[in-house]
Amino acid sequence: ASLADCLAIIEARGARLRRCPHCDGDKLYRHGILRGLQRYRCRQCHRSFNALTDTPLAFIRLREKWLPFLQCMLGSMTVRAAAETTGIHRNTSFRWRHRFL
């Protein structure tokens, strides 16, 4: 599985929901693409969001390193070993571990 495959799965989940996470409105329109994810804007509250909004994966950067990090977690690697393997800081590895779990 690649990052594009994962983003496609996330998009499919977001497309099924089709509700504004801020006001629960159902009148939405597509509002561009940002970092590979479709953005939506609510016609009722005028706020924008994507499929990651209100999920543990919201605001996590370095998306290209998510899958290698998950493989390290599935391999029961320590926080430091996973950080060294994926090329992220050990504090980032610690935070990601809690977010992904």
N, C-alpha and C. Protein backbone atom coordinates (compact mmCIF):
# COMPACT_ATOMS: atom_id res chain seq x y z
N ALA A 1 0.85 -1.19 0.00
CA ALA A 1 0.00 0.00 0.00
C ALA A 1 0.88 1.24 0.00
N SER A 2 0.48 2.20 -0.78
CA SER A 2 1.24 3.45 -0.88
C SER A 2 0.48 4.56 -0.16
N LEU A 3 1.12 5.72 -0.06
CA LEU A 3 0.48 6.86 0.57
C LEU A 3 -0.76 7.27 -0.22
N ALA A 4 -0.70 7.20 -1.54
CA ALA A 4 -1.85 7.55 -2.37
C ALA A 4 -3.03 6.61 -2.09
N ASP A 5 -2.74 5.33 -1.89
CA ASP A 5 -3.80 4.37 -1.55
C ASP A 5 -4.45 4.72 -0.21
N CYS A 6 -3.62 5.07 0.75
CA CYS A 6 -4.15 5.43 2.08
C CYS A 6 -5.00 6.69 2.01
N LEU A 7 -4.54 7.68 1.26
CA LEU A 7 -5.32 8.91 1.12
C LEU A 7 -6.63 8.64 0.39
N ALA A 8 -6.62 7.71 -0.57
CA ALA A 8 -7.86 7.35 -1.27
C ALA A 8 -8.85 6.70 -0.32
N ILE A 9 -8.37 5.86 0.58
CA ILE A 9 -9.25 5.22 1.57
C ILE A 9 -9.82 6.27 2.52
N ILE A 10 -8.99 7.21 2.93
CA ILE A 10 -9.45 8.28 3.82
C ILE A 10 -10.49 9.13 3.11
N GLU A 11 -10.25 9.45 1.83
CA GLU A 11 -11.21 10.23 1.04
C GLU A 11 -12.54 9.50 0.92
N ALA A 12 -12.49 8.19 0.69
CA ALA A 12 -13.72 7.41 0.54
C ALA A 12 -14.52 7.45 1.84
N ARG A 13 -13.84 7.37 2.98
CA ARG A 13 -14.52 7.47 4.26
C ARG A 13 -15.16 8.84 4.42
N GLY A 14 -14.43 9.88 4.05
CA GLY A 14 -14.95 11.24 4.16
C GLY A 14 -16.12 11.49 3.22
N ALA A 15 -16.10 10.87 2.05
CA ALA A 15 -17.18 11.06 1.09
C ALA A 15 -18.48 10.43 1.58
N ARG A 16 -18.37 9.34 2.32
CA ARG A 16 -19.57 8.69 2.86
C ARG A 16 -20.21 9.53 3.95
N LEU A 17 -19.40 10.22 4.73
CA LEU A 17 -19.95 10.99 5.84
C LEU A 17 -20.74 12.20 5.36
N ARG A 18 -20.13 13.01 4.54
CA ARG A 18 -20.76 14.17 3.91
C ARG A 18 -21.54 15.04 4.89
N ARG A 19 -20.98 15.26 6.05
CA ARG A 19 -21.55 16.17 7.03
C ARG A 19 -20.44 17.09 7.50
N CYS A 20 -20.80 18.31 7.82
CA CYS A 20 -19.82 19.25 8.34
C CYS A 20 -19.45 18.85 9.77
N PRO A 21 -18.16 18.70 10.08
CA PRO A 21 -17.78 18.33 11.44
C PRO A 21 -17.96 19.47 12.45
N HIS A 22 -18.17 20.68 11.96
CA HIS A 22 -18.30 21.84 12.84
C HIS A 22 -19.76 22.10 13.24
N CYS A 23 -20.67 22.07 12.26
CA CYS A 23 -22.08 22.39 12.55
C CYS A 23 -23.03 21.26 12.19
N ASP A 24 -22.51 20.16 11.67
CA ASP A 24 -23.29 18.99 11.26
C ASP A 24 -24.21 19.31 10.07
N GLY A 25 -23.87 20.33 9.32
CA GLY A 25 -24.65 20.68 8.14
C GLY A 25 -24.41 19.70 7.00
N ASP A 26 -25.37 19.60 6.12
CA ASP A 26 -25.24 18.66 5.00
C ASP A 26 -25.12 19.36 3.64
N LYS A 27 -25.09 20.67 3.63
CA LYS A 27 -24.93 21.42 2.38
C LYS A 27 -23.46 21.80 2.21
N LEU A 28 -22.75 20.97 1.46
CA LEU A 28 -21.31 21.14 1.28
C LEU A 28 -20.99 21.31 -0.19
N TYR A 29 -19.85 21.91 -0.45
CA TYR A 29 -19.32 21.91 -1.81
C TYR A 29 -17.81 21.73 -1.76
N ARG A 30 -17.29 21.18 -2.85
CA ARG A 30 -15.84 20.95 -2.92
C ARG A 30 -15.14 22.29 -2.99
N HIS A 31 -14.03 22.39 -2.28
CA HIS A 31 -13.35 23.68 -2.16
C HIS A 31 -11.84 23.51 -2.38
N GLY A 32 -11.46 22.78 -3.43
CA GLY A 32 -10.06 22.62 -3.77
C GLY A 32 -9.42 21.39 -3.15
N ILE A 33 -8.16 21.20 -3.49
CA ILE A 33 -7.39 20.06 -2.99
C ILE A 33 -6.15 20.62 -2.32
N LEU A 34 -5.85 20.14 -1.12
CA LEU A 34 -4.68 20.59 -0.40
C LEU A 34 -3.91 19.38 0.09
N ARG A 35 -2.66 19.26 -0.30
CA ARG A 35 -1.77 18.15 0.08
C ARG A 35 -2.39 16.79 -0.20
N GLY A 36 -3.06 16.68 -1.33
CA GLY A 36 -3.59 15.40 -1.78
C GLY A 36 -4.97 15.06 -1.26
N LEU A 37 -5.56 15.88 -0.41
CA LEU A 37 -6.89 15.62 0.13
C LEU A 37 -7.88 16.67 -0.35
N GLN A 38 -9.07 16.22 -0.72
CA GLN A 38 -10.13 17.11 -1.15
C GLN A 38 -10.61 17.94 0.04
N ARG A 39 -10.72 19.25 -0.15
CA ARG A 39 -11.27 20.11 0.89
C ARG A 39 -12.73 20.39 0.57
N TYR A 40 -13.51 20.59 1.60
CA TYR A 40 -14.93 20.90 1.46
C TYR A 40 -15.23 22.16 2.25
N ARG A 41 -16.27 22.88 1.84
CA ARG A 41 -16.72 24.05 2.57
C ARG A 41 -18.20 23.90 2.84
N CYS A 42 -18.59 24.23 4.05
CA CYS A 42 -19.99 24.14 4.46
C CYS A 42 -20.70 25.43 4.05
N ARG A 43 -21.88 25.29 3.47
CA ARG A 43 -22.66 26.47 3.07
C ARG A 43 -23.38 27.11 4.26
N GLN A 44 -23.45 26.40 5.36
CA GLN A 44 -24.17 26.93 6.53
C GLN A 44 -23.24 27.70 7.47
N CYS A 45 -22.10 27.12 7.83
CA CYS A 45 -21.19 27.80 8.76
C CYS A 45 -19.98 28.41 8.05
N HIS A 46 -19.81 28.13 6.75
CA HIS A 46 -18.74 28.68 5.91
C HIS A 46 -17.34 28.27 6.35
N ARG A 47 -17.23 27.16 7.07
CA ARG A 47 -15.91 26.66 7.46
C ARG A 47 -15.50 25.56 6.51
N SER A 48 -14.20 25.41 6.33
CA SER A 48 -13.70 24.37 5.43
C SER A 48 -13.09 23.24 6.25
N PHE A 49 -13.01 22.07 5.63
CA PHE A 49 -12.49 20.89 6.30
C PHE A 49 -12.12 19.86 5.26
N ASN A 50 -11.43 18.80 5.69
CA ASN A 50 -11.13 17.66 4.83
C ASN A 50 -11.47 16.38 5.57
N ALA A 51 -11.15 15.25 5.00
CA ALA A 51 -11.53 13.97 5.59
C ALA A 51 -10.78 13.69 6.90
N LEU A 52 -9.67 14.36 7.15
CA LEU A 52 -8.91 14.14 8.39
C LEU A 52 -9.38 15.01 9.54
N THR A 53 -10.22 15.99 9.29
CA THR A 53 -10.70 16.88 10.34
C THR A 53 -11.42 16.08 11.41
N ASP A 54 -11.13 16.40 12.66
CA ASP A 54 -11.70 15.71 13.83
C ASP A 54 -11.32 14.24 13.91
N THR A 55 -10.16 13.87 13.40
CA THR A 55 -9.63 12.53 13.54
C THR A 55 -8.27 12.62 14.24
N PRO A 56 -7.76 11.53 14.77
CA PRO A 56 -6.42 11.59 15.39
C PRO A 56 -5.32 11.93 14.38
N LEU A 57 -5.55 11.75 13.11
CA LEU A 57 -4.52 12.03 12.11
C LEU A 57 -4.50 13.48 11.65
N ALA A 58 -5.42 14.29 12.14
CA ALA A 58 -5.46 15.70 11.75
C ALA A 58 -4.20 16.41 12.24
N PHE A 59 -3.64 17.26 11.42
CA PHE A 59 -2.48 18.09 11.72
C PHE A 59 -1.17 17.32 11.88
N ILE A 60 -1.13 16.06 11.50
CA ILE A 60 0.13 15.33 11.53
C ILE A 60 0.81 15.54 10.18
N ARG A 61 2.01 16.02 10.21
CA ARG A 61 2.76 16.28 8.98
C ARG A 61 3.56 15.04 8.58
N LEU A 62 4.38 15.20 7.57
CA LEU A 62 5.26 14.14 7.08
C LEU A 62 4.48 12.88 6.70
N ARG A 63 3.43 13.05 5.91
CA ARG A 63 2.56 11.93 5.53
C ARG A 63 3.29 10.81 4.84
N GLU A 64 4.37 11.13 4.15
CA GLU A 64 5.11 10.09 3.44
C GLU A 64 5.81 9.13 4.40
N LYS A 65 5.90 9.51 5.68
CA LYS A 65 6.55 8.65 6.67
C LYS A 65 5.54 7.89 7.53
N TRP A 66 4.25 8.09 7.31
CA TRP A 66 3.23 7.40 8.10
C TRP A 66 3.32 5.89 7.93
N LEU A 67 3.36 5.43 6.69
CA LEU A 67 3.36 3.98 6.45
C LEU A 67 4.62 3.29 6.97
N PRO A 68 5.82 3.84 6.72
CA PRO A 68 7.00 3.20 7.32
C PRO A 68 6.93 3.17 8.85
N PHE A 69 6.39 4.24 9.45
CA PHE A 69 6.26 4.26 10.90
C PHE A 69 5.26 3.20 11.38
N LEU A 70 4.16 3.05 10.68
CA LEU A 70 3.17 2.02 11.04
C LEU A 70 3.77 0.62 10.92
N GLN A 71 4.60 0.42 9.90
CA GLN A 71 5.25 -0.89 9.75
C GLN A 71 6.19 -1.15 10.92
N CYS A 72 6.86 -0.10 11.40
CA CYS A 72 7.72 -0.25 12.58
C CYS A 72 6.89 -0.59 13.81
N MET A 73 5.74 0.06 13.94
CA MET A 73 4.87 -0.23 15.09
C MET A 73 4.36 -1.67 15.03
N LEU A 74 3.97 -2.11 13.84
CA LEU A 74 3.48 -3.48 13.70
C LEU A 74 4.57 -4.49 13.97
N GLY A 75 5.82 -4.09 13.73
CA GLY A 75 6.96 -4.95 14.02
C GLY A 75 7.42 -4.87 15.46
N SER A 76 6.66 -4.18 16.31
CA SER A 76 6.93 -4.05 17.75
C SER A 76 8.28 -3.39 18.04
N MET A 77 8.65 -2.43 17.22
CA MET A 77 9.90 -1.70 17.46
C MET A 77 9.68 -0.69 18.58
N THR A 78 10.76 -0.34 19.25
CA THR A 78 10.69 0.67 20.30
C THR A 78 10.49 2.04 19.65
N VAL A 79 10.15 3.02 20.47
CA VAL A 79 9.93 4.38 19.98
C VAL A 79 11.20 4.91 19.33
N ARG A 80 12.34 4.71 19.98
CA ARG A 80 13.61 5.21 19.44
C ARG A 80 14.01 4.49 18.16
N ALA A 81 13.81 3.19 18.12
CA ALA A 81 14.18 2.43 16.92
C ALA A 81 13.28 2.82 15.75
N ALA A 82 12.01 3.02 16.01
CA ALA A 82 11.10 3.44 14.95
C ALA A 82 11.47 4.82 14.45
N ALA A 83 11.89 5.70 15.35
CA ALA A 83 12.31 7.05 14.96
C ALA A 83 13.55 7.00 14.08
N GLU A 84 14.51 6.19 14.46
CA GLU A 84 15.74 6.07 13.66
C GLU A 84 15.45 5.46 12.30
N THR A 85 14.59 4.47 12.25
CA THR A 85 14.27 3.78 11.00
C THR A 85 13.55 4.70 10.01
N THR A 86 12.61 5.49 10.52
CA THR A 86 11.81 6.34 9.63
C THR A 86 12.42 7.71 9.41
N GLY A 87 13.40 8.09 10.22
CA GLY A 87 14.06 9.38 10.03
C GLY A 87 13.29 10.53 10.66
N ILE A 88 12.61 10.26 11.78
CA ILE A 88 11.91 11.32 12.50
C ILE A 88 12.52 11.43 13.89
N HIS A 89 12.22 12.49 14.59
CA HIS A 89 12.74 12.68 15.94
C HIS A 89 12.03 11.73 16.90
N ARG A 90 12.71 11.36 17.97
CA ARG A 90 12.12 10.40 18.92
C ARG A 90 10.87 10.97 19.59
N ASN A 91 10.81 12.30 19.81
CA ASN A 91 9.61 12.90 20.39
C ASN A 91 8.43 12.80 19.42
N THR A 92 8.71 12.98 18.14
CA THR A 92 7.68 12.83 17.12
C THR A 92 7.19 11.39 17.09
N SER A 93 8.11 10.46 17.18
CA SER A 93 7.76 9.04 17.20
C SER A 93 6.86 8.72 18.40
N PHE A 94 7.16 9.29 19.54
CA PHE A 94 6.34 9.08 20.74
C PHE A 94 4.92 9.61 20.54
N ARG A 95 4.82 10.85 20.00
CA ARG A 95 3.49 11.44 19.79
C ARG A 95 2.70 10.67 18.74
N TRP A 96 3.35 10.29 17.65
CA TRP A 96 2.67 9.53 16.59
C TRP A 96 2.17 8.20 17.12
N ARG A 97 2.96 7.56 17.96
CA ARG A 97 2.55 6.26 18.49
C ARG A 97 1.22 6.37 19.23
N HIS A 98 1.08 7.41 20.01
CA HIS A 98 -0.17 7.62 20.76
C HIS A 98 -1.31 8.01 19.83
N ARG A 99 -1.03 8.78 18.81
CA ARG A 99 -2.08 9.17 17.87
C ARG A 99 -2.57 7.97 17.06
N PHE A 100 -1.64 7.15 16.59
CA PHE A 100 -2.01 6.02 15.75
C PHE A 100 -2.70 4.91 16.55
N LEU A 101 -2.36 4.80 17.82
CA LEU A 101 -3.01 3.77 18.64
C LEU A 101 -4.38 4.24 19.05
